[in-house]
Amino acid sequence: MFCTNCGNNIPDNSQFCPHCGKQFGAQGQSSYQGQPQYQAPPQVQPRTRLGITVGMLGAVVWFSALIDPVLVTLLAIYVLFVEKDKWLKGTAIKAVVSYFGFFFVFQVIDGINYALGAFTHFFNYWFGAGWNLGFPVMLTNILYIARIVLFIWSAFSAFKMKGFKIRRIDEFVENHM
């Protein structure tokens, strides 16, 4: 056996090193014991009735909002009536509200474009004005990109059970669910 302090060879049953005087325990090891390392237990997400984690189902709800309004609505109904987790219920409501919020904004933009198109055709026909009025396409495209980025960011945040806060929805879920 070797001394852990000076590195010299010492007999196996020694209580201390004859070269440097370091004291050893009963097994010939150093009596010094380091401070125990604290390791936080890994955080385990709760599971849904489907057997997947709550964060995974939250991400599926957000990704479904990108794909189809019927799918996100059906998933939200499932979450609200079957699942027990409040965070998941809040996430489902936020996904539906966000989807239909963007839907409403795009419908208003389409209505404005329709009205401006009718106005433009009227003046171009009767007065030969040559106008081309309409809601800026670039702004509409930016809104579409913002929707996609928001939903994808929310889906990846949901994997970790994080996301953005909507005060009224969070209060509603906390008080009524």
Foldseek 3Di string as FASTA:
>chain_A
DADPPPGDDDDQQDQADPPPGQGPDRRRHHPDDDDDDDDDPDDDADAWPVGHGLLQLLLVLLVVLVPDLVVLVVSLVCCVPGTDDLLSNLSSVVSNCLSVVLVVVVVVQVVQQVVVVVVVVVCCVPPVPPDDDGDDPVVVVVSVVVSVVQSNVQSVCSNVSDHDDDPVSSVCSVPPD
